Amino acid sequence: MSPTVFREKSYRFYFLSNEESRIHVHITCEKGEAKFWLEPIISLAMYKGLNEKQLREIQKIVEKKQNEIIKAWKEHFNKS
C-alpha cells in the first residue's frame, strides 16, 4: 500500500506502508524518484533519474509541507 499524501507540480508525494519507522516521504514523477528523510533534519535519502534542479525543487516542497507530511505520517501509521 502506498497512500498519496499530496501532489504538487508533476510530483506525487507518498508513503510506503512496509518500511522503516523513521519519518520520510517518497516522491515520484515521470523522470524519476526520490526519498527524503524528515527527521532529525530534512535530507535526501536516495534518488534515481532526477537532476539537481528537480531535487532542489522537491526539497523546497518538502520543507514547505513538512508539518503536513509529518501529520499524515502519524495518522497513516497511527502514531502520536
C-alpha atoms as a PDB file:
ATOM      1  CA  MET A   1       0.000   0.000   0.000  1.00  0.00           C
ATOM      2  CA  SER A   2       1.353   3.433  -0.883  1.00  0.00           C
ATOM      3  CA  PRO A   3      -1.051   6.232   0.018  1.00  0.00           C
ATOM      4  CA  THR A   4      -0.598   9.576  -1.689  1.00  0.00           C
ATOM      5  CA  VAL A   5      -0.040  12.415   0.778  1.00  0.00           C
ATOM      6  CA  PHE A   6      -0.380  15.136  -1.868  1.00  0.00           C
ATOM      7  CA  ARG A   7       0.557  16.099  -5.410  1.00  0.00           C
ATOM      8  CA  GLU A   8       2.373  19.266  -6.346  1.00  0.00           C
ATOM      9  CA  LYS A   9       3.563  20.266  -9.793  1.00  0.00           C
ATOM     10  CA  SER A  10       4.401  16.991 -11.553  1.00  0.00           C
ATOM     11  CA  TYR A  11       5.335  15.215  -8.294  1.00  0.00           C
ATOM     12  CA  ARG A  12       3.466  12.649  -6.226  1.00  0.00           C
ATOM     13  CA  PHE A  13       4.411  12.527  -2.535  1.00  0.00           C
ATOM     14  CA  TYR A  14       3.559   9.244  -0.849  1.00  0.00           C
ATOM     15  CA  PHE A  15       4.389   6.685   1.845  1.00  0.00           C
ATOM     16  CA  LEU A  16       5.204   3.012   1.550  1.00  0.00           C
ATOM     17  CA  SER A  17       3.451   1.131   4.323  1.00  0.00           C
ATOM     18  CA  ASN A  18       6.075  -1.565   4.925  1.00  0.00           C
ATOM     19  CA  GLU A  19       9.209   0.430   5.605  1.00  0.00           C
ATOM     20  CA  GLU A  20      11.322   1.685   8.463  1.00  0.00           C
ATOM     21  CA  SER A  21       9.787   3.780  11.227  1.00  0.00           C
ATOM     22  CA  ARG A  22      11.912   6.909  10.666  1.00  0.00           C
ATOM     23  CA  ILE A  23       9.680   9.590   9.123  1.00  0.00           C
ATOM     24  CA  HIS A  24      10.288  10.000   5.402  1.00  0.00           C
ATOM     25  CA  VAL A  25       8.417  10.602   2.176  1.00  0.00           C
ATOM     26  CA  HIS A  26       8.786   9.146  -1.306  1.00  0.00           C
ATOM     27  CA  ILE A  27       8.420  11.302  -4.382  1.00  0.00           C
ATOM     28  CA  THR A  28       7.867  10.168  -7.936  1.00  0.00           C
ATOM     29  CA  CYS A  29       7.401  11.844 -11.295  1.00  0.00           C
ATOM     30  CA  GLU A  30       7.766  10.933 -14.939  1.00  0.00           C
ATOM     31  CA  LYS A  31      11.572  11.421 -14.850  1.00  0.00           C
ATOM     32  CA  GLY A  32      12.425   9.528 -11.674  1.00  0.00           C
ATOM     33  CA  GLU A  33      12.018   9.202  -7.944  1.00  0.00           C
ATOM     34  CA  ALA A  34      13.455  10.301  -4.617  1.00  0.00           C
ATOM     35  CA  LYS A  35      13.140   9.729  -0.901  1.00  0.00           C
ATOM     36  CA  PHE A  36      13.606  12.406   1.748  1.00  0.00           C
ATOM     37  CA  TRP A  37      14.078  11.918   5.475  1.00  0.00           C
ATOM     38  CA  LEU A  38      12.183  14.413   7.628  1.00  0.00           C
ATOM     39  CA  GLU A  39      13.938  13.614  10.903  1.00  0.00           C
ATOM     40  CA  PRO A  40      16.198  14.600  12.502  1.00  0.00           C
ATOM     41  CA  ILE A  41      16.548  17.097   9.627  1.00  0.00           C
ATOM     42  CA  ILE A  42      15.198  17.161   6.098  1.00  0.00           C
ATOM     43  CA  SER A  43      17.728  15.346   3.944  1.00  0.00           C
ATOM     44  CA  LEU A  44      17.883  13.405   0.718  1.00  0.00           C
ATOM     45  CA  ALA A  45      17.958   9.649   1.332  1.00  0.00           C
ATOM     46  CA  MET A  46      18.079   8.442  -2.286  1.00  0.00           C
ATOM     47  CA  TYR A  47      17.174   9.392  -5.819  1.00  0.00           C
ATOM     48  CA  LYS A  48      17.094   7.975  -9.324  1.00  0.00           C
ATOM     49  CA  GLY A  49      16.683   9.764 -12.637  1.00  0.00           C
ATOM     50  CA  LEU A  50      16.283  13.290 -11.249  1.00  0.00           C
ATOM     51  CA  ASN A  51      18.644  16.202 -11.801  1.00  0.00           C
ATOM     52  CA  GLU A  52      19.902  18.691  -9.209  1.00  0.00           C
ATOM     53  CA  LYS A  53      17.295  21.301 -10.147  1.00  0.00           C
ATOM     54  CA  GLN A  54      14.473  18.821  -9.620  1.00  0.00           C
ATOM     55  CA  LEU A  55      15.951  17.663  -6.314  1.00  0.00           C
ATOM     56  CA  ARG A  56      16.197  21.264  -5.070  1.00  0.00           C
ATOM     57  CA  GLU A  57      12.609  21.895  -6.145  1.00  0.00           C
ATOM     58  CA  ILE A  58      11.400  18.765  -4.358  1.00  0.00           C
ATOM     59  CA  GLN A  59      13.345  19.629  -1.211  1.00  0.00           C
ATOM     60  CA  LYS A  60      11.738  23.092  -1.115  1.00  0.00           C
ATOM     61  CA  ILE A  61       8.304  21.482  -1.363  1.00  0.00           C
ATOM     62  CA  VAL A  62       9.168  19.023   1.427  1.00  0.00           C
ATOM     63  CA  GLU A  63      10.404  21.898   3.596  1.00  0.00           C
ATOM     64  CA  LYS A  64       7.236  23.895   2.907  1.00  0.00           C
ATOM     65  CA  LYS A  65       4.952  20.926   3.609  1.00  0.00           C
ATOM     66  CA  GLN A  66       6.974  19.330   6.415  1.00  0.00           C
ATOM     67  CA  ASN A  67       4.239  19.668   9.050  1.00  0.00           C
ATOM     68  CA  GLU A  68       1.597  18.319   6.676  1.00  0.00           C
ATOM     69  CA  ILE A  69       3.770  15.309   5.818  1.00  0.00           C
ATOM     70  CA  ILE A  70       4.532  14.540   9.474  1.00  0.00           C
ATOM     71  CA  LYS A  71       0.845  14.821  10.408  1.00  0.00           C
ATOM     72  CA  ALA A  72      -0.142  12.498   7.550  1.00  0.00           C
ATOM     73  CA  TRP A  73       2.622  10.048   8.567  1.00  0.00           C
ATOM     74  CA  LYS A  74       1.353   9.894  12.154  1.00  0.00           C
ATOM     75  CA  GLU A  75      -2.233   9.449  11.001  1.00  0.00           C
ATOM     76  CA  HIS A  76      -1.317   6.755   8.479  1.00  0.00           C
ATOM     77  CA  PHE A  77       0.909   4.808  10.837  1.00  0.00           C
ATOM     78  CA  ASN A  78      -1.341   5.527  13.815  1.00  0.00           C
ATOM     79  CA  LYS A  79       1.393   7.112  15.892  1.00  0.00           C
ATOM     80  CA  SER A  80       1.203  10.103  18.187  1.00  0.00           C
END
